[in-house]
Amino acid sequence: MSAGDWLKRHGAVVYEYDFDDSWRHAVELVEVVTRDEKFVRRLVGGARAFPPEDCGGFPGYEDVVAVASGGRARFHDTATLQQWFGDWDPEAFDLEAVRQRFDR
């Protein structure tokens, strides 16, 4: 069964990425639209860099963003965290570069 078929039947699904860190995404079918044109996947916008791999779920992500922005970590040691993520920039997002990988 495809994801589209599942959503048509059930209306919603929870998708969990990275079971260790539990990044959960609620996906809900809002509307089914029939069009004459063929569907083409297009990225229309975005913000911020992807979270560093294994950053510790949402609390870890909040900490790396805070430390990268010059603040202090709430849940982890600030110095250790800064050394771990290095020069990662939470505000880095190149829409055109991501579009080239995403759009089809």
PDB file of N, CA and C in Angstrom:
ATOM      1  N   MET A   1       0.860  -1.175   0.000  1.00  0.00           N
ATOM      2  CA  MET A   1       0.000   0.000   0.000  1.00  0.00           C
ATOM      3  C   MET A   1       0.907   1.240   0.000  1.00  0.00           C
ATOM      4  N   SER A   2       0.640   2.179  -0.886  1.00  0.00           N
ATOM      5  CA  SER A   2       1.434   3.407  -0.952  1.00  0.00           C
ATOM      6  C   SER A   2       1.027   4.354   0.181  1.00  0.00           C
ATOM      7  N   ALA A   3       1.872   5.345   0.419  1.00  0.00           N
ATOM      8  CA  ALA A   3       1.554   6.356   1.433  1.00  0.00           C
ATOM      9  C   ALA A   3       0.268   7.091   1.062  1.00  0.00           C
ATOM     10  N   GLY A   4       0.104   7.375  -0.245  1.00  0.00           N
ATOM     11  CA  GLY A   4      -1.109   8.049  -0.701  1.00  0.00           C
ATOM     12  C   GLY A   4      -2.360   7.227  -0.445  1.00  0.00           C
ATOM     13  N   ASP A   5      -2.263   5.913  -0.714  1.00  0.00           N
ATOM     14  CA  ASP A   5      -3.407   5.027  -0.454  1.00  0.00           C
ATOM     15  C   ASP A   5      -3.738   4.983   1.037  1.00  0.00           C
ATOM     16  N   TRP A   6      -2.696   4.907   1.857  1.00  0.00           N
ATOM     17  CA  TRP A   6      -2.898   4.874   3.316  1.00  0.00           C
ATOM     18  C   TRP A   6      -3.618   6.139   3.776  1.00  0.00           C
ATOM     19  N   LEU A   7      -3.145   7.295   3.304  1.00  0.00           N
ATOM     20  CA  LEU A   7      -3.764   8.553   3.713  1.00  0.00           C
ATOM     21  C   LEU A   7      -5.200   8.661   3.227  1.00  0.00           C
ATOM     22  N   LYS A   8      -5.475   8.188   2.023  1.00  0.00           N
ATOM     23  CA  LYS A   8      -6.855   8.221   1.533  1.00  0.00           C
ATOM     24  C   LYS A   8      -7.763   7.364   2.407  1.00  0.00           C
ATOM     25  N   ARG A   9      -7.233   6.257   2.901  1.00  0.00           N
ATOM     26  CA  ARG A   9      -8.042   5.349   3.716  1.00  0.00           C
ATOM     27  C   ARG A   9      -8.169   5.826   5.165  1.00  0.00           C
ATOM     28  N   HIS A  10      -7.064   6.339   5.745  1.00  0.00           N
ATOM     29  CA  HIS A  10      -7.044   6.657   7.178  1.00  0.00           C
ATOM     30  C   HIS A  10      -7.028   8.149   7.502  1.00  0.00           C
ATOM     31  N   GLY A  11      -6.638   8.988   6.540  1.00  0.00           N
ATOM     32  CA  GLY A  11      -6.659  10.431   6.767  1.00  0.00           C
ATOM     33  C   GLY A  11      -5.419  11.026   7.398  1.00  0.00           C
ATOM     34  N   ALA A  12      -4.644  10.217   8.115  1.00  0.00           N
ATOM     35  CA  ALA A  12      -3.453  10.755   8.781  1.00  0.00           C
ATOM     36  C   ALA A  12      -2.501   9.616   9.123  1.00  0.00           C
ATOM     37  N   VAL A  13      -1.266   9.988   9.370  1.00  0.00           N
ATOM     38  CA  VAL A  13      -0.252   9.023   9.772  1.00  0.00           C
ATOM     39  C   VAL A  13       0.821   9.769  10.560  1.00  0.00           C
ATOM     40  N   VAL A  14       1.462   9.082  11.476  1.00  0.00           N
ATOM     41  CA  VAL A  14       2.609   9.648  12.182  1.00  0.00           C
ATOM     42  C   VAL A  14       3.846   8.958  11.637  1.00  0.00           C
ATOM     43  N   TYR A  15       4.769   9.753  11.140  1.00  0.00           N
ATOM     44  CA  TYR A  15       6.015   9.246  10.571  1.00  0.00           C
ATOM     45  C   TYR A  15       7.127   9.527  11.568  1.00  0.00           C
ATOM     46  N   GLU A  16       7.881   8.510  11.928  1.00  0.00           N
ATOM     47  CA  GLU A  16       8.990   8.702  12.858  1.00  0.00           C
ATOM     48  C   GLU A  16      10.302   8.486  12.132  1.00  0.00           C
ATOM     49  N   TYR A  17      11.128   9.507  12.177  1.00  0.00           N
ATOM     50  CA  TYR A  17      12.454   9.456  11.584  1.00  0.00           C
ATOM     51  C   TYR A  17      13.467   9.344  12.711  1.00  0.00           C
ATOM     52  N   ASP A  18      14.447   8.508  12.558  1.00  0.00           N
ATOM     53  CA  ASP A  18      15.535   8.339  13.528  1.00  0.00           C
ATOM     54  C   ASP A  18      14.968   7.882  14.876  1.00  0.00           C
ATOM     55  N   PHE A  19      14.757   6.588  14.989  1.00  0.00           N
ATOM     56  CA  PHE A  19      14.122   6.023  16.179  1.00  0.00           C
ATOM     57  C   PHE A  19      14.857   6.361  17.469  1.00  0.00           C
ATOM     58  N   ASP A  20      16.179   6.567  17.412  1.00  0.00           N
ATOM     59  CA  ASP A  20      16.912   6.919  18.628  1.00  0.00           C
ATOM     60  C   ASP A  20      16.526   8.296  19.149  1.00  0.00           C
ATOM     61  N   ASP A  21      16.337   9.254  18.221  1.00  0.00           N
ATOM     62  CA  ASP A  21      16.030  10.620  18.624  1.00  0.00           C
ATOM     63  C   ASP A  21      14.546  10.958  18.545  1.00  0.00           C
ATOM     64  N   SER A  22      13.771  10.095  17.915  1.00  0.00           N
ATOM     65  CA  SER A  22      12.307  10.242  17.827  1.00  0.00           C
ATOM     66  C   SER A  22      11.850  11.570  17.226  1.00  0.00           C
ATOM     67  N   TRP A  23      12.254  11.807  15.994  1.00  0.00           N
ATOM     68  CA  TRP A  23      11.720  12.951  15.256  1.00  0.00           C
ATOM     69  C   TRP A  23      10.387  12.496  14.679  1.00  0.00           C
ATOM     70  N   ARG A  24       9.284  12.928  15.277  1.00  0.00           N
ATOM     71  CA  ARG A  24       7.957  12.497  14.844  1.00  0.00           C
ATOM     72  C   ARG A  24       7.285  13.598  14.032  1.00  0.00           C
ATOM     73  N   HIS A  25       6.681  13.195  12.926  1.00  0.00           N
ATOM     74  CA  HIS A  25       5.996  14.137  12.042  1.00  0.00           C
ATOM     75  C   HIS A  25       4.569  13.651  11.836  1.00  0.00           C
ATOM     76  N   ALA A  26       3.609  14.493  12.122  1.00  0.00           N
ATOM     77  CA  ALA A  26       2.205  14.171  11.870  1.00  0.00           C
ATOM     78  C   ALA A  26       1.889  14.588  10.437  1.00  0.00           C
ATOM     79  N   VAL A  27       1.437  13.634   9.628  1.00  0.00           N
ATOM     80  CA  VAL A  27       1.093  13.894   8.231  1.00  0.00           C
ATOM     81  C   VAL A  27      -0.411  13.688   8.102  1.00  0.00           C
ATOM     82  N   GLU A  28      -1.092  14.713   7.624  1.00  0.00           N
ATOM     83  CA  GLU A  28      -2.551  14.666   7.528  1.00  0.00           C
ATOM     84  C   GLU A  28      -2.985  14.992   6.100  1.00  0.00           C
ATOM     85  N   LEU A  29      -3.877  14.186   5.567  1.00  0.00           N
ATOM     86  CA  LEU A  29      -4.456  14.452   4.260  1.00  0.00           C
ATOM     87  C   LEU A  29      -5.498  15.548   4.427  1.00  0.00           C
ATOM     88  N   VAL A  30      -5.293  16.656   3.759  1.00  0.00           N
ATOM     89  CA  VAL A  30      -6.202  17.791   3.880  1.00  0.00           C
ATOM     90  C   VAL A  30      -7.211  17.801   2.750  1.00  0.00           C
ATOM     91  N   GLU A  31      -6.734  17.470   1.538  1.00  0.00           N
ATOM     92  CA  GLU A  31      -7.620  17.548   0.381  1.00  0.00           C
ATOM     93  C   GLU A  31      -7.032  16.706  -0.751  1.00  0.00           C
ATOM     94  N   VAL A  32      -7.899  16.075  -1.504  1.00  0.00           N
ATOM     95  CA  VAL A  32      -7.494  15.374  -2.722  1.00  0.00           C
ATOM     96  C   VAL A  32      -7.944  16.235  -3.891  1.00  0.00           C
ATOM     97  N   VAL A  33      -6.987  16.602  -4.735  1.00  0.00           N
ATOM     98  CA  VAL A  33      -7.272  17.475  -5.859  1.00  0.00           C
ATOM     99  C   VAL A  33      -6.983  16.713  -7.145  1.00  0.00           C
ATOM    100  N   THR A  34      -7.906  16.758  -8.079  1.00  0.00           N
ATOM    101  CA  THR A  34      -7.707  16.137  -9.382  1.00  0.00           C
ATOM    102  C   THR A  34      -7.381  17.239 -10.392  1.00  0.00           C
ATOM    103  N   ARG A  35      -6.272  17.055 -11.088  1.00  0.00           N
ATOM    104  CA  ARG A  35      -5.847  18.048 -12.085  1.00  0.00           C
ATOM    105  C   ARG A  35      -5.512  17.345 -13.391  1.00  0.00           C
ATOM    106  N   ASP A  36      -5.606  18.081 -14.464  1.00  0.00           N
ATOM    107  CA  ASP A  36      -5.237  17.546 -15.767  1.00  0.00           C
ATOM    108  C   ASP A  36      -3.729  17.408 -15.912  1.00  0.00           C
ATOM    109  N   GLU A  37      -2.984  18.292 -15.250  1.00  0.00           N
ATOM    110  CA  GLU A  37      -1.532  18.263 -15.380  1.00  0.00           C
ATOM    111  C   GLU A  37      -0.922  17.147 -14.536  1.00  0.00           C
ATOM    112  N   LYS A  38       0.229  16.663 -14.951  1.00  0.00           N
ATOM    113  CA  LYS A  38       0.958  15.650 -14.196  1.00  0.00           C
ATOM    114  C   LYS A  38       1.599  16.310 -12.978  1.00  0.00           C
ATOM    115  N   PHE A  39       1.562  15.622 -11.850  1.00  0.00           N
ATOM    116  CA  PHE A  39       2.171  16.149 -10.633  1.00  0.00           C
ATOM    117  C   PHE A  39       3.680  16.237 -10.796  1.00  0.00           C
ATOM    118  N   VAL A  40       4.223  17.376 -10.459  1.00  0.00           N
ATOM    119  CA  VAL A  40       5.667  17.580 -10.454  1.00  0.00           C
ATOM    120  C   VAL A  40       6.017  18.118  -9.072  1.00  0.00           C
ATOM    121  N   ARG A  41       6.900  17.415  -8.402  1.00  0.00           N
ATOM    122  CA  ARG A  41       7.297  17.821  -7.059  1.00  0.00           C
ATOM    123  C   ARG A  41       8.130  19.101  -7.160  1.00  0.00           C
ATOM    124  N   ARG A  42       7.748  20.125  -6.379  1.00  0.00           N
ATOM    125  CA  ARG A  42       8.457  21.400  -6.393  1.00  0.00           C
ATOM    126  C   ARG A  42       8.606  21.917  -4.968  1.00  0.00           C
ATOM    127  N   LEU A  43       9.808  22.325  -4.641  1.00  0.00           N
ATOM    128  CA  LEU A  43      10.069  22.950  -3.349  1.00  0.00           C
ATOM    129  C   LEU A  43       9.794  24.439  -3.489  1.00  0.00           C
ATOM    130  N   VAL A  44       8.910  24.972  -2.657  1.00  0.00           N
ATOM    131  CA  VAL A  44       8.525  26.373  -2.787  1.00  0.00           C
ATOM    132  C   VAL A  44       9.209  27.268  -1.759  1.00  0.00           C
ATOM    133  N   GLY A  45       9.808  26.699  -0.736  1.00  0.00           N
ATOM    134  CA  GLY A  45      10.476  27.524   0.264  1.00  0.00           C
ATOM    135  C   GLY A  45      11.127  26.665   1.325  1.00  0.00           C
ATOM    136  N   GLY A  46      11.758  27.315   2.250  1.00  0.00           N
ATOM    137  CA  GLY A  46      12.394  26.595   3.342  1.00  0.00           C
ATOM    138  C   GLY A  46      13.179  27.553   4.212  1.00  0.00           C
ATOM    139  N   ALA A  47      13.656  27.053   5.314  1.00  0.00           N
ATOM    140  CA  ALA A  47      14.446  27.856   6.239  1.00  0.00           C
ATOM    141  C   ALA A  47      15.305  26.935   7.082  1.00  0.00           C
ATOM    142  N   ARG A  48      16.398  27.436   7.490  1.00  0.00           N
ATOM    143  CA  ARG A  48      17.332  26.757   8.389  1.00  0.00           C
ATOM    144  C   ARG A  48      17.953  25.495   7.802  1.00  0.00           C
ATOM    145  N   ALA A  49      19.100  25.187   8.342  1.00  0.00           N
ATOM    146  CA  ALA A  49      19.831  23.979   7.959  1.00  0.00           C
ATOM    147  C   ALA A  49      19.166  22.765   8.594  1.00  0.00           C
ATOM    148  N   PHE A  50      19.411  21.594   8.005  1.00  0.00           N
ATOM    149  CA  PHE A  50      18.900  20.363   8.598  1.00  0.00           C
ATOM    150  C   PHE A  50      19.573  20.158   9.952  1.00  0.00           C
ATOM    151  N   PRO A  51      18.932  19.458  10.880  1.00  0.00           N
ATOM    152  CA  PRO A  51      19.570  19.202  12.182  1.00  0.00           C
ATOM    153  C   PRO A  51      20.795  18.316  12.003  1.00  0.00           C
ATOM    154  N   PRO A  52      21.833  18.550  12.791  1.00  0.00           N
ATOM    155  CA  PRO A  52      22.979  17.637  12.734  1.00  0.00           C
ATOM    156  C   PRO A  52      22.526  16.218  13.096  1.00  0.00           C
ATOM    157  N   GLU A  53      23.049  15.226  12.404  1.00  0.00           N
ATOM    158  CA  GLU A  53      22.680  13.824  12.652  1.00  0.00           C
ATOM    159  C   GLU A  53      22.966  13.465  14.102  1.00  0.00           C
ATOM    160  N   ASP A  54      22.024  12.779  14.738  1.00  0.00           N
ATOM    161  CA  ASP A  54      22.147  12.317  16.126  1.00  0.00           C
ATOM    162  C   ASP A  54      22.366  13.451  17.123  1.00  0.00           C
ATOM    163  N   CYS A  55      21.663  14.577  16.909  1.00  0.00           N
ATOM    164  CA  CYS A  55      21.823  15.711  17.826  1.00  0.00           C
ATOM    165  C   CYS A  55      21.018  15.538  19.107  1.00  0.00           C
ATOM    166  N   GLY A  56      20.165  14.543  19.168  1.00  0.00           N
ATOM    167  CA  GLY A  56      19.440  14.301  20.410  1.00  0.00           C
ATOM    168  C   GLY A  56      17.992  14.715  20.362  1.00  0.00           C
ATOM    169  N   GLY A  57      17.374  14.581  19.201  1.00  0.00           N
ATOM    170  CA  GLY A  57      15.961  14.928  19.084  1.00  0.00           C
ATOM    171  C   GLY A  57      15.734  16.418  19.211  1.00  0.00           C
ATOM    172  N   PHE A  58      14.504  16.797  19.525  1.00  0.00           N
ATOM    173  CA  PHE A  58      14.172  18.219  19.571  1.00  0.00           C
ATOM    174  C   PHE A  58      14.948  18.977  20.651  1.00  0.00           C
ATOM    175  N   PRO A  59      15.097  18.434  21.877  1.00  0.00           N
ATOM    176  CA  PRO A  59      15.887  19.169  22.876  1.00  0.00           C
ATOM    177  C   PRO A  59      17.337  19.370  22.433  1.00  0.00           C
ATOM    178  N   GLY A  60      17.916  18.361  21.794  1.00  0.00           N
ATOM    179  CA  GLY A  60      19.284  18.495  21.296  1.00  0.00           C
ATOM    180  C   GLY A  60      19.379  19.514  20.190  1.00  0.00           C
ATOM    181  N   TYR A  61      18.377  19.532  19.304  1.00  0.00           N
ATOM    182  CA  TYR A  61      18.343  20.521  18.233  1.00  0.00           C
ATOM    183  C   TYR A  61      18.239  21.929  18.811  1.00  0.00           C
ATOM    184  N   GLU A  62      17.374  22.122  19.803  1.00  0.00           N
ATOM    185  CA  GLU A  62      17.272  23.436  20.440  1.00  0.00           C
ATOM    186  C   GLU A  62      18.617  23.863  21.016  1.00  0.00           C
ATOM    187  N   ASP A  63      19.335  22.917  21.617  1.00  0.00           N
ATOM    188  CA  ASP A  63      20.644  23.226  22.195  1.00  0.00           C
ATOM    189  C   ASP A  63      21.667  23.608  21.127  1.00  0.00           C
ATOM    190  N   VAL A  64      21.762  22.856  20.038  1.00  0.00           N
ATOM    191  CA  VAL A  64      22.765  23.205  19.026  1.00  0.00           C
ATOM    192  C   VAL A  64      22.432  24.543  18.369  1.00  0.00           C
ATOM    193  N   VAL A  65      21.148  24.847  18.169  1.00  0.00           N
ATOM    194  CA  VAL A  65      20.774  26.147  17.615  1.00  0.00           C
ATOM    195  C   VAL A  65      21.168  27.256  18.588  1.00  0.00           C
ATOM    196  N   ALA A  66      20.882  27.069  19.869  1.00  0.00           N
ATOM    197  CA  ALA A  66      21.222  28.081  20.874  1.00  0.00           C
ATOM    198  C   ALA A  66      22.728  28.318  20.925  1.00  0.00           C
ATOM    199  N   VAL A  67      23.504  27.260  20.974  1.00  0.00           N
ATOM    200  CA  VAL A  67      24.964  27.393  21.072  1.00  0.00           C
ATOM    201  C   VAL A  67      25.544  27.978  19.784  1.00  0.00           C
ATOM    202  N   ALA A  68      25.065  27.528  18.637  1.00  0.00           N
ATOM    203  CA  ALA A  68      25.549  28.058  17.359  1.00  0.00           C
ATOM    204  C   ALA A  68      25.200  29.536  17.199  1.00  0.00           C
ATOM    205  N   SER A  69      24.170  29.979  17.890  1.00  0.00           N
ATOM    206  CA  SER A  69      23.749  31.380  17.819  1.00  0.00           C
ATOM    207  C   SER A  69      24.382  32.224  18.919  1.00  0.00           C
ATOM    208  N   GLY A  70      25.337  31.646  19.652  1.00  0.00           N
ATOM    209  CA  GLY A  70      26.046  32.391  20.685  1.00  0.00           C
ATOM    210  C   GLY A  70      25.488  32.245  22.088  1.00  0.00           C
ATOM    211  N   GLY A  71      24.489  31.389  22.263  1.00  0.00           N
ATOM    212  CA  GLY A  71      23.885  31.191  23.579  1.00  0.00           C
ATOM    213  C   GLY A  71      24.447  29.983  24.298  1.00  0.00           C
ATOM    214  N   ARG A  72      23.731  29.535  25.300  1.00  0.00           N
ATOM    215  CA  ARG A  72      24.162  28.393  26.097  1.00  0.00           C
ATOM    216  C   ARG A  72      23.161  27.256  25.932  1.00  0.00           C
ATOM    217  N   ALA A  73      23.660  26.052  26.081  1.00  0.00           N
ATOM    218  CA  ALA A  73      22.814  24.861  26.005  1.00  0.00           C
ATOM    219  C   ALA A  73      22.027  24.696  27.297  1.00  0.00           C
ATOM    220  N   ARG A  74      20.811  24.187  27.186  1.00  0.00           N
ATOM    221  CA  ARG A  74      19.984  23.912  28.359  1.00  0.00           C
ATOM    222  C   ARG A  74      20.117  22.475  28.823  1.00  0.00           C
ATOM    223  N   PHE A  75      20.317  21.535  27.865  1.00  0.00           N
ATOM    224  CA  PHE A  75      20.268  20.121  28.187  1.00  0.00           C
ATOM    225  C   PHE A  75      21.612  19.413  28.077  1.00  0.00           C
ATOM    226  N   HIS A  76      22.616  20.087  27.521  1.00  0.00           N
ATOM    227  CA  HIS A  76      23.927  19.474  27.301  1.00  0.00           C
ATOM    228  C   HIS A  76      25.025  20.443  27.729  1.00  0.00           C
ATOM    229  N   ASP A  77      26.240  19.955  27.830  1.00  0.00           N
ATOM    230  CA  ASP A  77      27.380  20.808  28.137  1.00  0.00           C
ATOM    231  C   ASP A  77      27.675  21.680  26.911  1.00  0.00           C
ATOM    232  N   THR A  78      27.668  22.988  27.109  1.00  0.00           N
ATOM    233  CA  THR A  78      27.814  23.931  26.001  1.00  0.00           C
ATOM    234  C   THR A  78      29.124  23.745  25.243  1.00  0.00           C
ATOM    235  N   ALA A  79      30.242  23.660  25.951  1.00  0.00           N
ATOM    236  CA  ALA A  79      31.552  23.538  25.286  1.00  0.00           C
ATOM    237  C   ALA A  79      31.663  22.235  24.505  1.00  0.00           C
ATOM    238  N   THR A  80      31.214  21.149  25.082  1.00  0.00           N
ATOM    239  CA  THR A  80      31.260  19.850  24.400  1.00  0.00           C
ATOM    240  C   THR A  80      30.381  19.865  23.157  1.00  0.00           C
ATOM    241  N   LEU A  81      29.208  20.455  23.279  1.00  0.00           N
ATOM    242  CA  LEU A  81      28.281  20.534  22.160  1.00  0.00           C
ATOM    243  C   LEU A  81      28.874  21.371  21.026  1.00  0.00           C
ATOM    244  N   GLN A  82      29.483  22.500  21.371  1.00  0.00           N
ATOM    245  CA  GLN A  82      30.073  23.367  20.355  1.00  0.00           C
ATOM    246  C   GLN A  82      31.216  22.658  19.627  1.00  0.00           C
ATOM    247  N   GLN A  83      32.011  21.920  20.361  1.00  0.00           N
ATOM    248  CA  GLN A  83      33.102  21.169  19.733  1.00  0.00           C
ATOM    249  C   GLN A  83      32.525  20.084  18.818  1.00  0.00           C
ATOM    250  N   TRP A  84      31.444  19.457  19.232  1.00  0.00           N
ATOM    251  CA  TRP A  84      30.849  18.363  18.456  1.00  0.00           C
ATOM    252  C   TRP A  84      30.309  18.844  17.118  1.00  0.00           C
ATOM    253  N   PHE A  85      29.529  19.962  17.087  1.00  0.00           N
ATOM    254  CA  PHE A  85      28.919  20.369  15.822  1.00  0.00           C
ATOM    255  C   PHE A  85      29.815  21.276  14.989  1.00  0.00           C
ATOM    256  N   GLY A  86      30.902  21.747  15.537  1.00  0.00           N
ATOM    257  CA  GLY A  86      31.876  22.516  14.752  1.00  0.00           C
ATOM    258  C   GLY A  86      31.307  23.775  14.143  1.00  0.00           C
ATOM    259  N   ASP A  87      31.421  23.900  12.821  1.00  0.00           N
ATOM    260  CA  ASP A  87      30.997  25.131  12.154  1.00  0.00           C
ATOM    261  C   ASP A  87      29.580  25.051  11.574  1.00  0.00           C
ATOM    262  N   TRP A  88      28.777  24.107  12.052  1.00  0.00           N
ATOM    263  CA  TRP A  88      27.396  23.987  11.591  1.00  0.00           C
ATOM    264  C   TRP A  88      26.670  25.302  11.856  1.00  0.00           C
ATOM    265  N   ASP A  89      25.940  25.792  10.876  1.00  0.00           N
ATOM    266  CA  ASP A  89      25.222  27.057  10.982  1.00  0.00           C
ATOM    267  C   ASP A  89      23.732  26.791  10.832  1.00  0.00           C
ATOM    268  N   PRO A  90      22.937  27.017  11.880  1.00  0.00           N
ATOM    269  CA  PRO A  90      21.508  26.714  11.793  1.00  0.00           C
ATOM    270  C   PRO A  90      20.766  27.581  10.780  1.00  0.00           C
ATOM    271  N   GLU A  91      21.314  28.722  10.419  1.00  0.00           N
ATOM    272  CA  GLU A  91      20.629  29.617   9.486  1.00  0.00           C
ATOM    273  C   GLU A  91      20.998  29.347   8.030  1.00  0.00           C
ATOM    274  N   ALA A  92      21.924  28.412   7.804  1.00  0.00           N
ATOM    275  CA  ALA A  92      22.354  28.116   6.436  1.00  0.00           C
ATOM    276  C   ALA A  92      21.253  27.367   5.694  1.00  0.00           C
ATOM    277  N   PHE A  93      20.791  27.955   4.606  1.00  0.00           N
ATOM    278  CA  PHE A  93      19.802  27.302   3.758  1.00  0.00           C
ATOM    279  C   PHE A  93      19.905  27.905   2.375  1.00  0.00           C
ATOM    280  N   ASP A  94      20.277  27.100   1.415  1.00  0.00           N
ATOM    281  CA  ASP A  94      20.421  27.539   0.035  1.00  0.00           C
ATOM    282  C   ASP A  94      19.254  26.950  -0.751  1.00  0.00           C
ATOM    283  N   LEU A  95      18.215  27.738  -0.948  1.00  0.00           N
ATOM    284  CA  LEU A  95      16.997  27.262  -1.577  1.00  0.00           C
ATOM    285  C   LEU A  95      17.277  26.674  -2.960  1.00  0.00           C
ATOM    286  N   GLU A  96      18.079  27.331  -3.769  1.00  0.00           N
ATOM    287  CA  GLU A  96      18.341  26.826  -5.117  1.00  0.00           C
ATOM    288  C   GLU A  96      19.093  25.498  -5.088  1.00  0.00           C
ATOM    289  N   ALA A  97      20.050  25.342  -4.192  1.00  0.00           N
ATOM    290  CA  ALA A  97      20.795  24.076  -4.088  1.00  0.00           C
ATOM    291  C   ALA A  97      19.869  22.936  -3.650  1.00  0.00           C
ATOM    292  N   VAL A  98      18.991  23.211  -2.695  1.00  0.00           N
ATOM    293  CA  VAL A  98      18.061  22.179  -2.224  1.00  0.00           C
ATOM    294  C   VAL A  98      17.044  21.860  -3.307  1.00  0.00           C
ATOM    295  N   ARG A  99      16.598  22.862  -4.029  1.00  0.00           N
ATOM    296  CA  ARG A  99      15.660  22.638  -5.135  1.00  0.00           C
ATOM    297  C   ARG A  99      16.246  21.682  -6.169  1.00  0.00           C
ATOM    298  N   GLN A 100      17.518  21.834  -6.464  1.00  0.00           N
ATOM    299  CA  GLN A 100      18.140  20.965  -7.468  1.00  0.00           C
ATOM    300  C   GLN A 100      18.088  19.496  -7.050  1.00  0.00           C
ATOM    301  N   ARG A 101      18.168  19.232  -5.755  1.00  0.00           N
ATOM    302  CA  ARG A 101      18.087  17.849  -5.271  1.00  0.00           C
ATOM    303  C   ARG A 101      16.648  17.395  -5.085  1.00  0.00           C
ATOM    304  N   PHE A 102      15.746  18.297  -4.759  1.00  0.00           N
ATOM    305  CA  PHE A 102      14.380  17.955  -4.399  1.00  0.00           C
ATOM    306  C   PHE A 102      13.435  17.905  -5.593  1.00  0.00           C
ATOM    307  N   ASP A 103      13.456  18.961  -6.405  1.00  0.00           N
ATOM    308  CA  ASP A 103      12.508  19.070  -7.516  1.00  0.00           C
ATOM    309  C   ASP A 103      12.757  17.987  -8.551  1.00  0.00           C
ATOM    310  N   ARG A 104      11.711  17.531  -9.185  1.00  0.00           N
ATOM    311  CA  ARG A 104      11.830  16.535 -10.249  1.00  0.00           C
ATOM    312  C   ARG A 104      11.007  16.972 -11.435  1.00  0.00           C
TER     313      ARG A 104
END
